[in-house]
């Protein structure tokens, strides 16, 4: 759905553009670049690695992808060390 929306918006511009994709938006830029390269003059993306079958997600992203992970609720402003413990503690349960 996102790619189709982006393709429609780019077609409406009636000229090739130079998109810069970041994070999940980068995946949409790559998707358009591989399916409708005629819409792009050049393109740049910081997430091309996602499309490599051997790509290894960073630690926090792997945590976010764990179905049992629950985002910790903060009741105060923890120190950096406390934040790290909050983020990784669900793995210890």
Protein backbone atom coordinates (compact mmCIF):
# COMPACT_ATOMS: atom_id res chain seq x y z
CA UNK A 1 0.00 0.00 0.00
CA UNK A 2 2.80 2.44 0.86
CA UNK A 3 4.64 1.74 -2.37
CA UNK A 4 1.50 2.29 -4.43
CA UNK A 5 0.86 5.60 -2.68
CA UNK A 6 4.48 6.69 -3.23
CA UNK A 7 4.38 5.67 -6.90
CA UNK A 8 1.18 7.69 -7.41
CA UNK A 9 2.72 10.76 -5.75
CA UNK A 10 5.89 10.46 -7.85
CA UNK A 11 3.88 10.01 -11.06
CA UNK A 12 2.01 13.23 -10.26
CA UNK A 13 5.31 15.14 -10.25
CA UNK A 14 5.74 14.28 -13.95
CA UNK A 15 9.54 14.22 -13.75
CA UNK A 16 12.17 11.94 -12.19
CA UNK A 17 13.11 12.85 -8.63
CA UNK A 18 16.01 12.19 -6.25
CA UNK A 19 14.54 10.64 -3.09
CA UNK A 20 16.55 10.04 0.06
CA UNK A 21 15.12 7.22 2.14
CA UNK A 22 15.77 6.86 5.86
CA UNK A 23 14.85 3.96 8.14
CA UNK A 24 11.53 2.37 7.09
CA UNK A 25 11.10 5.07 4.46
CA UNK A 26 14.32 3.80 2.93
CA UNK A 27 12.67 0.46 2.30
CA UNK A 28 9.92 2.22 0.35
CA UNK A 29 12.50 4.06 -1.76
CA UNK A 30 14.26 0.77 -2.56
CA UNK A 31 10.91 -0.79 -3.43
CA UNK A 32 10.13 2.01 -5.88
CA UNK A 33 13.67 1.93 -7.28
CA UNK A 34 13.34 -1.77 -8.07
CA UNK A 35 9.81 -1.65 -9.47
CA UNK A 36 9.57 1.81 -11.10
CA UNK A 37 13.10 3.10 -11.78
CA UNK A 38 11.66 5.40 -14.46
CA UNK A 39 10.32 7.64 -11.68
CA UNK A 40 13.75 8.26 -10.16
CA UNK A 41 16.74 10.24 -11.42
CA UNK A 42 18.91 8.98 -8.55
CA UNK A 43 18.17 7.63 -5.11
CA UNK A 44 19.83 7.16 -1.75
CA UNK A 45 18.93 4.91 1.15
CA UNK A 46 20.44 3.95 4.50
CA UNK A 47 18.61 0.63 4.78
CA UNK A 48 19.66 -1.34 1.70
CA UNK A 49 21.12 -4.00 4.01
CA UNK A 50 17.59 -5.03 5.01
CA UNK A 51 17.21 -6.70 1.61
CA UNK A 52 20.24 -8.97 2.13
CA UNK A 53 19.18 -12.42 3.36
CA UNK A 54 22.14 -12.50 5.75
CA UNK A 55 21.35 -9.08 7.28
CA UNK A 56 21.68 -9.09 11.08
CA UNK A 57 19.41 -6.67 12.92
CA UNK A 58 20.90 -4.63 15.74
CA UNK A 59 20.20 -5.77 19.29
CA UNK A 60 17.34 -3.38 20.02
CA UNK A 61 15.60 -4.17 16.71
CA UNK A 62 15.79 -7.90 17.51
CA UNK A 63 14.23 -7.12 20.88
CA UNK A 64 11.40 -5.16 19.22
CA UNK A 65 10.74 -8.15 16.96
CA UNK A 66 10.30 -10.51 19.93
CA UNK A 67 6.55 -11.20 20.28
CA UNK A 68 6.70 -11.37 24.08
CA UNK A 69 8.56 -8.07 24.51
CA UNK A 70 6.59 -5.36 26.28
CA UNK A 71 7.76 -1.77 26.15
CA UNK A 72 8.78 -0.77 29.67
CA UNK A 73 6.75 1.97 31.31
CA UNK A 74 8.87 4.81 32.69
CA UNK A 75 7.63 6.54 35.80
CA UNK A 76 10.70 8.72 36.23
CA UNK A 77 13.70 9.80 34.21
CA UNK A 78 16.12 6.88 34.56
CA UNK A 79 19.83 7.09 34.10
CA UNK A 80 21.35 5.62 30.96
CA UNK A 81 22.32 2.44 32.83
CA UNK A 82 18.79 2.01 34.16
CA UNK A 83 17.39 2.47 30.65
CA UNK A 84 19.60 -0.29 29.27
CA UNK A 85 18.48 -2.63 32.03
CA UNK A 86 14.83 -1.79 31.34
CA UNK A 87 15.25 -2.50 27.65
CA UNK A 88 17.00 -5.84 27.96
CA UNK A 89 15.34 -7.23 31.08
CA UNK A 90 12.45 -8.96 29.20
CA UNK A 91 15.03 -11.34 27.74
CA UNK A 92 15.90 -12.53 31.23
CA UNK A 93 12.33 -13.44 32.14
